[in-house]
Amino acid sequence: MATRTTTDSTTAGAIPVDSAAFGRFAGLCALLAAFGGLLYAVSFVILKSAALSALFLLLGGLLTTVLLTSLYSHLRAVSASFSLWAFLLALVGQLGAVIHGGYDLANVLNPQPFSARLASLPSAIDPRGLLTFGLTGLGLLVIARLMGLSQFFPRALSYLGCLLAVLLVALYLGRLILLDPANPLLLGTALLSGFIVGPLWYIWVGCVLLRGQY
């Protein structure tokens, strides 16, 4: 039984029709991730709500795994090895965010008596955002570079992705070295990535995927 196919704008061959459905699904998830990321930033930086920030971190990481899968399906035509490597880096980073968010949420909903010393220790899964910001940023940097080599994505979107990647890595290094979230340099990086660059990149990618020709 023959498989129905349509033409992808980045390849000379054809891809199954269900790739178009997944692309639209990934575009929707990207828009939701943009909204969730903005709510996470508001919850963490402004409201300082542990419960809300944990919830949006969990949901945002889960939604982003869908987006990453769709991006990999497009970018493997540019470089199979680099796209796979970037996909794995970013995917592990976002799964780490899901686990970190789930761990924090569990502790908020069912608090246990911890000593002040234990409470101040970094997460064993995602210490100082190693996965959420560090690994995700490295993966995104490669993804953004590959997007710049693909005809499917606007070149400016690639540049914005590179900026977001640098900000995420800087955010991890800031949390690792400076530690204090109220540090002006660290706070400025968090505000720029969480309120402006991050949501804008996710919305733009989502719109490209929703309007894409498969």
Protein backbone atom coordinates (compact mmCIF):
# COMPACT_ATOMS: atom_id res chain seq x y z
CA MET A 1 0.00 0.00 0.00
CA ALA A 2 1.55 3.29 -1.13
CA THR A 3 2.27 6.07 1.38
CA ARG A 4 0.93 9.52 0.54
CA THR A 5 3.67 12.13 0.48
CA THR A 6 4.12 15.85 0.04
CA THR A 7 7.19 17.86 -0.85
CA ASP A 8 9.29 19.54 1.84
CA SER A 9 10.73 22.95 0.99
CA THR A 10 14.20 22.00 2.21
CA THR A 11 14.66 18.66 0.50
CA ALA A 12 14.37 17.33 -3.00
CA GLY A 13 12.62 14.21 -1.79
CA ALA A 14 9.28 13.63 -0.14
CA ILE A 15 8.19 13.03 3.43
CA PRO A 16 5.10 11.30 4.84
CA VAL A 17 1.97 13.38 5.28
CA ASP A 18 1.96 12.75 9.04
CA SER A 19 5.13 14.90 9.25
CA ALA A 20 2.94 17.89 8.37
CA ALA A 21 0.56 17.02 11.21
CA PHE A 22 3.44 16.71 13.66
CA GLY A 23 4.91 19.98 12.40
CA ARG A 24 1.65 21.77 13.16
CA PHE A 25 1.52 20.06 16.55
CA ALA A 26 5.11 21.17 17.24
CA GLY A 27 4.25 24.72 16.18
CA LEU A 28 1.38 24.81 18.63
CA CYS A 29 3.60 23.39 21.38
CA ALA A 30 6.20 26.07 20.62
CA LEU A 31 3.60 28.81 21.11
CA LEU A 32 2.47 27.22 24.36
CA ALA A 33 6.11 26.87 25.46
CA ALA A 34 6.63 30.59 24.79
CA PHE A 35 3.66 31.41 26.99
CA GLY A 36 4.78 28.92 29.64
CA GLY A 37 8.34 30.26 29.60
CA LEU A 38 7.04 33.77 30.13
CA LEU A 39 4.88 32.60 33.03
CA TYR A 40 7.89 30.76 34.49
CA ALA A 41 9.94 33.96 34.34
CA VAL A 42 7.15 35.94 35.98
CA SER A 43 6.68 33.28 38.69
CA PHE A 44 10.40 32.95 39.43
CA VAL A 45 11.61 36.55 39.13
CA ILE A 46 8.57 38.66 40.08
CA LEU A 47 6.10 36.55 42.06
CA LYS A 48 8.82 34.36 43.59
CA SER A 49 6.31 31.49 43.71
CA ALA A 50 8.05 28.14 44.07
CA ALA A 51 4.92 26.20 43.15
CA LEU A 52 4.14 28.14 39.96
CA SER A 53 7.75 28.31 38.77
CA ALA A 54 8.12 24.55 39.29
CA LEU A 55 4.89 23.84 37.42
CA PHE A 56 5.77 26.03 34.43
CA LEU A 57 9.31 24.66 34.33
CA LEU A 58 7.90 21.13 34.12
CA LEU A 59 5.31 21.99 31.46
CA GLY A 60 7.68 24.13 29.42
CA GLY A 61 10.29 21.38 29.29
CA LEU A 62 7.72 18.83 28.18
CA LEU A 63 6.34 21.08 25.42
CA THR A 64 9.83 21.89 24.18
CA THR A 65 10.64 18.20 23.62
CA VAL A 66 7.96 18.20 20.89
CA LEU A 67 9.51 21.27 19.25
CA LEU A 68 13.00 19.78 19.38
CA THR A 69 11.80 16.60 17.68
CA SER A 70 10.27 18.59 14.83
CA LEU A 71 13.38 20.75 14.43
CA TYR A 72 15.54 17.64 14.25
CA SER A 73 13.36 16.23 11.45
CA HIS A 74 14.01 19.41 9.44
CA LEU A 75 17.67 19.95 10.26
CA ARG A 76 18.95 16.42 9.71
CA ALA A 77 18.86 17.23 5.97
CA VAL A 78 21.47 19.92 6.68
CA SER A 79 23.73 17.72 8.81
CA ALA A 80 22.58 14.38 10.17
CA SER A 81 25.35 14.11 12.79
CA PHE A 82 25.30 17.68 14.08
CA SER A 83 21.50 17.79 14.20
CA LEU A 84 21.38 14.53 16.16
CA TRP A 85 24.04 15.75 18.59
CA ALA A 86 22.24 19.07 19.11
CA PHE A 87 18.90 17.31 19.48
CA LEU A 88 20.28 14.99 22.17
CA LEU A 89 21.94 17.84 24.08
CA ALA A 90 18.81 19.99 24.09
CA LEU A 91 16.50 17.03 24.72
CA VAL A 92 18.47 15.90 27.78
CA GLY A 93 18.47 19.51 28.94
CA GLN A 94 14.70 19.79 28.68
CA LEU A 95 14.09 16.40 30.28
CA GLY A 96 16.28 17.65 33.11
CA ALA A 97 14.02 20.70 33.35
CA VAL A 98 10.97 18.42 33.54
CA ILE A 99 12.52 16.37 36.35
CA HIS A 100 13.75 19.48 38.17
CA GLY A 101 10.31 21.07 37.95
CA GLY A 102 8.63 17.86 39.08
CA TYR A 103 11.02 17.52 42.01
CA ASP A 104 10.44 21.11 43.15
CA LEU A 105 6.69 20.78 42.70
CA ALA A 106 6.62 17.60 44.79
CA ASN A 107 8.51 19.34 47.58
CA VAL A 108 6.18 22.36 47.49
CA LEU A 109 2.99 20.30 47.55
CA ASN A 110 4.26 17.97 50.27
CA PRO A 111 6.94 19.87 52.18
CA GLN A 112 9.29 17.92 54.39
CA PRO A 113 11.38 19.31 57.25
CA PHE A 114 14.85 20.04 55.89
CA SER A 115 17.71 21.76 57.55
CA ALA A 116 18.65 25.17 56.13
CA ARG A 117 21.87 23.64 54.85
CA LEU A 118 20.08 20.92 52.89
CA ALA A 119 17.52 23.35 51.52
CA SER A 120 20.28 25.57 50.10
CA LEU A 121 22.03 22.74 48.24
CA PRO A 122 21.65 22.64 44.44
CA SER A 123 19.44 20.07 42.76
CA ALA A 124 21.24 16.76 42.29
CA ILE A 125 19.55 16.35 38.89
CA ASP A 126 19.99 19.89 37.58
CA PRO A 127 22.65 21.64 39.68
CA ARG A 128 22.35 25.40 39.19
CA GLY A 129 20.53 24.82 35.90
CA LEU A 130 23.23 22.68 34.27
CA LEU A 131 20.62 20.87 32.17
CA THR A 132 17.83 23.47 31.97
CA PHE A 133 20.13 26.30 30.89
CA GLY A 134 23.63 24.94 30.21
CA LEU A 135 22.99 21.84 28.13
CA THR A 136 19.89 23.28 26.49
CA GLY A 137 21.86 26.38 25.53
CA LEU A 138 24.65 24.36 23.95
CA GLY A 139 22.18 22.25 21.99
CA LEU A 140 20.25 25.32 20.90
CA LEU A 141 23.43 27.00 19.70
CA VAL A 142 24.07 24.16 17.25
CA ILE A 143 20.37 24.02 16.29
CA ALA A 144 20.33 27.76 15.57
CA ARG A 145 23.47 27.47 13.45
CA LEU A 146 21.92 24.64 11.41
CA MET A 147 18.74 26.69 11.01
CA GLY A 148 20.86 29.36 9.35
CA LEU A 149 22.00 26.79 6.78
CA SER A 150 18.45 25.60 6.05
CA GLN A 151 16.14 27.20 3.48
CA PHE A 152 13.12 26.40 5.65
CA PHE A 153 13.92 28.89 8.44
CA PRO A 154 14.54 32.66 8.19
CA ARG A 155 18.18 33.66 8.68
CA ALA A 156 17.21 36.20 11.35
CA LEU A 157 15.56 33.40 13.35
CA SER A 158 18.91 31.64 13.42
CA TYR A 159 20.60 34.76 14.80
CA LEU A 160 17.94 35.14 17.47
CA GLY A 161 18.37 31.49 18.42
CA CYS A 162 22.13 31.99 18.80
CA LEU A 163 21.50 34.95 21.08
CA LEU A 164 19.09 32.91 23.20
CA ALA A 165 21.61 30.07 23.41
CA VAL A 166 24.36 32.41 24.62
CA LEU A 167 22.03 33.90 27.22
CA LEU A 168 21.05 30.45 28.51
CA VAL A 169 24.68 29.36 28.89
CA ALA A 170 25.50 32.70 30.55
CA LEU A 171 22.56 32.17 32.90
CA TYR A 172 23.92 28.79 33.96
CA LEU A 173 27.43 30.16 34.47
CA GLY A 174 26.01 33.07 36.43
CA ARG A 175 24.06 30.77 38.73
CA LEU A 176 27.15 28.60 39.12
CA ILE A 177 29.65 31.38 39.82
CA LEU A 178 27.70 34.40 41.08
CA LEU A 179 25.04 32.25 42.79
CA ASP A 180 22.90 35.17 44.01
CA PRO A 181 19.83 35.49 41.72
CA ALA A 182 19.55 39.16 42.73
CA ASN A 183 22.97 39.97 41.24
CA PRO A 184 22.35 42.72 38.64
CA LEU A 185 24.29 40.89 35.91
CA LEU A 186 22.50 37.62 36.54
CA LEU A 187 19.12 39.30 36.92
CA GLY A 188 19.60 41.22 33.69
CA THR A 189 20.44 38.03 31.81
CA ALA A 190 17.39 36.29 33.26
CA LEU A 191 15.09 39.18 32.35
CA LEU A 192 16.43 39.40 28.79
CA SER A 193 16.23 35.68 28.13
CA GLY A 194 13.00 34.96 30.02
CA PHE A 195 10.89 37.98 29.08
CA ILE A 196 12.09 38.97 25.62
CA VAL A 197 14.43 36.75 23.62
CA GLY A 198 13.12 33.34 24.74
CA PRO A 199 9.39 33.97 24.17
CA LEU A 200 10.09 35.78 20.89
CA TRP A 201 12.17 32.89 19.53
CA TYR A 202 9.61 30.26 20.52
CA ILE A 203 6.73 32.27 19.01
CA TRP A 204 8.66 32.83 15.78
CA VAL A 205 9.62 29.15 15.43
CA GLY A 206 6.04 28.15 16.21
CA CYS A 207 4.68 30.42 13.49
CA VAL A 208 7.19 29.10 10.96
CA LEU A 209 6.19 25.53 11.70
CA LEU A 210 2.48 26.31 11.60
CA ARG A 211 2.80 28.09 8.25
CA GLY A 212 5.43 25.75 6.82
CA GLN A 213 5.04 23.99 3.47
CA TYR A 214 5.55 20.26 3.92
